[in-house]
């Protein structure tokens, strides 16, 4: 199984910024549905941002205006630019890529925002 690999998670202060990366070697992006998700301890996993096959980007209400989902097809990399981070953004962040009728998930990268 091809597994995307996330990186960029860190401990930061509220108001700071981070950029997460997800490298998906062996996967051709094309019109793939892709997304970023996060899960805080004791909480349900939630969608953060998704790029649909139609090419539109949908963001969770909690991150709109602060997070930006982008990709570089040549580098086979997804990015999640996170600005004005809040303690509520703390959690494990995962990328997901739809490929050949299967979802491929990364192992996650931890983002911790202190207040």
Protein backbone atom coordinates (compact mmCIF):
# COMPACT_ATOMS: atom_id res chain seq x y z
CA UNK A 1 0.00 0.00 0.00
CA UNK A 2 1.24 3.47 -0.85
CA UNK A 3 1.24 5.62 2.26
CA UNK A 4 1.36 9.41 2.23
CA UNK A 5 3.78 10.95 4.71
CA UNK A 6 2.95 14.11 6.63
CA UNK A 7 5.46 16.47 8.19
CA UNK A 8 5.63 19.94 9.68
CA UNK A 9 3.82 19.46 12.95
CA UNK A 10 5.26 21.31 15.89
CA UNK A 11 4.58 23.01 19.19
CA UNK A 12 3.74 26.66 18.63
CA UNK A 13 2.16 29.56 20.45
CA UNK A 14 -1.31 30.82 19.71
CA UNK A 15 -1.29 33.26 16.82
CA UNK A 16 1.68 31.68 15.10
CA UNK A 17 1.71 29.84 11.77
CA UNK A 18 2.69 26.43 10.48
CA UNK A 19 2.72 24.72 7.12
CA UNK A 20 2.09 21.01 6.98
CA UNK A 21 3.23 18.89 4.06
CA UNK A 22 2.05 15.55 2.78
CA UNK A 23 4.20 13.73 0.25
CA UNK A 24 2.43 11.04 -1.71
CA UNK A 25 5.12 9.25 -3.66
CA UNK A 26 3.81 6.71 -6.13
CA UNK A 27 0.43 8.38 -6.44
CA UNK A 28 -0.58 10.36 -9.49
CA UNK A 29 -2.66 13.27 -8.28
CA UNK A 30 -4.73 14.12 -11.31
CA UNK A 31 -8.31 14.74 -10.26
CA UNK A 32 -7.98 12.89 -6.99
CA UNK A 33 -10.13 13.81 -4.08
CA UNK A 34 -7.76 14.88 -1.30
CA UNK A 35 -8.16 16.11 2.21
CA UNK A 36 -6.71 17.12 5.54
CA UNK A 37 -8.21 15.87 8.78
CA UNK A 38 -7.44 16.30 12.44
CA UNK A 39 -8.26 14.60 15.68
CA UNK A 40 -7.75 15.90 19.18
CA UNK A 41 -7.46 13.52 22.13
CA UNK A 42 -10.89 12.40 23.24
CA UNK A 43 -12.61 14.05 20.30
CA UNK A 44 -14.08 12.88 17.03
CA UNK A 45 -11.99 13.19 13.91
CA UNK A 46 -13.04 16.12 11.78
CA UNK A 47 -12.51 17.29 8.26
CA UNK A 48 -10.28 20.34 8.01
CA UNK A 49 -10.11 20.92 4.28
CA UNK A 50 -10.95 18.92 1.18
CA UNK A 51 -10.24 19.41 -2.50
CA UNK A 52 -12.97 17.75 -4.52
CA UNK A 53 -12.70 16.21 -7.96
CA UNK A 54 -14.42 19.33 -9.24
CA UNK A 55 -11.41 21.31 -8.08
CA UNK A 56 -13.13 23.22 -5.33
CA UNK A 57 -11.76 23.50 -1.82
CA UNK A 58 -14.01 23.15 1.18
CA UNK A 59 -12.95 24.18 4.66
CA UNK A 60 -14.35 23.47 8.06
CA UNK A 61 -16.04 26.53 9.49
CA UNK A 62 -13.57 26.56 12.35
CA UNK A 63 -10.61 27.13 10.02
CA UNK A 64 -12.06 29.30 7.27
CA UNK A 65 -10.00 32.40 6.69
CA UNK A 66 -7.05 30.96 8.57
CA UNK A 67 -6.07 27.75 6.76
CA UNK A 68 -5.21 27.30 3.09
CA UNK A 69 -5.10 23.95 1.31
CA UNK A 70 -2.86 23.76 -1.74
CA UNK A 71 -0.97 21.19 -3.75
CA UNK A 72 2.02 20.82 -6.03
CA UNK A 73 1.36 18.09 -8.56
CA UNK A 74 4.96 17.99 -9.76
CA UNK A 75 6.19 17.36 -6.23
CA UNK A 76 3.21 15.15 -5.41
CA UNK A 77 2.78 17.14 -2.26
CA UNK A 78 -0.18 18.55 -0.38
CA UNK A 79 0.16 21.59 1.85
CA UNK A 80 -1.89 22.99 4.64
CA UNK A 81 -0.92 26.53 5.55
CA UNK A 82 -2.21 27.29 9.02
CA UNK A 83 -2.24 30.88 10.23
CA UNK A 84 -3.46 32.48 13.43
CA UNK A 85 -3.37 29.16 15.19
CA UNK A 86 -5.55 28.63 18.21
CA UNK A 87 -5.32 26.11 21.04
CA UNK A 88 -8.44 24.49 19.58
CA UNK A 89 -6.39 23.60 16.50
CA UNK A 90 -4.31 21.18 18.55
CA UNK A 91 -4.45 17.63 17.30
CA UNK A 92 -3.00 14.99 15.05
CA UNK A 93 -3.29 16.01 11.41
CA UNK A 94 -3.70 13.46 8.66
CA UNK A 95 -3.79 13.70 4.89
CA UNK A 96 -5.94 11.48 2.73
CA UNK A 97 -5.78 10.82 -0.99
CA UNK A 98 -8.26 8.89 -3.08
CA UNK A 99 -6.42 6.69 -5.57
CA UNK A 100 -7.56 3.66 -7.56
CA UNK A 101 -10.80 3.40 -5.65
CA UNK A 102 -9.01 3.39 -2.29
CA UNK A 103 -8.25 5.97 0.36
CA UNK A 104 -4.63 6.33 1.39
CA UNK A 105 -3.90 7.92 4.74
CA UNK A 106 -0.74 9.32 6.21
CA UNK A 107 0.53 8.40 9.65
CA UNK A 108 -0.20 11.84 11.02
CA UNK A 109 1.78 14.76 12.35
CA UNK A 110 1.15 16.37 15.71
CA UNK A 111 0.28 20.04 15.99
CA UNK A 112 0.16 21.54 19.46
CA UNK A 113 -0.84 25.14 20.03
CA UNK A 114 -0.17 26.57 23.46
CA UNK A 115 -2.09 29.49 24.90
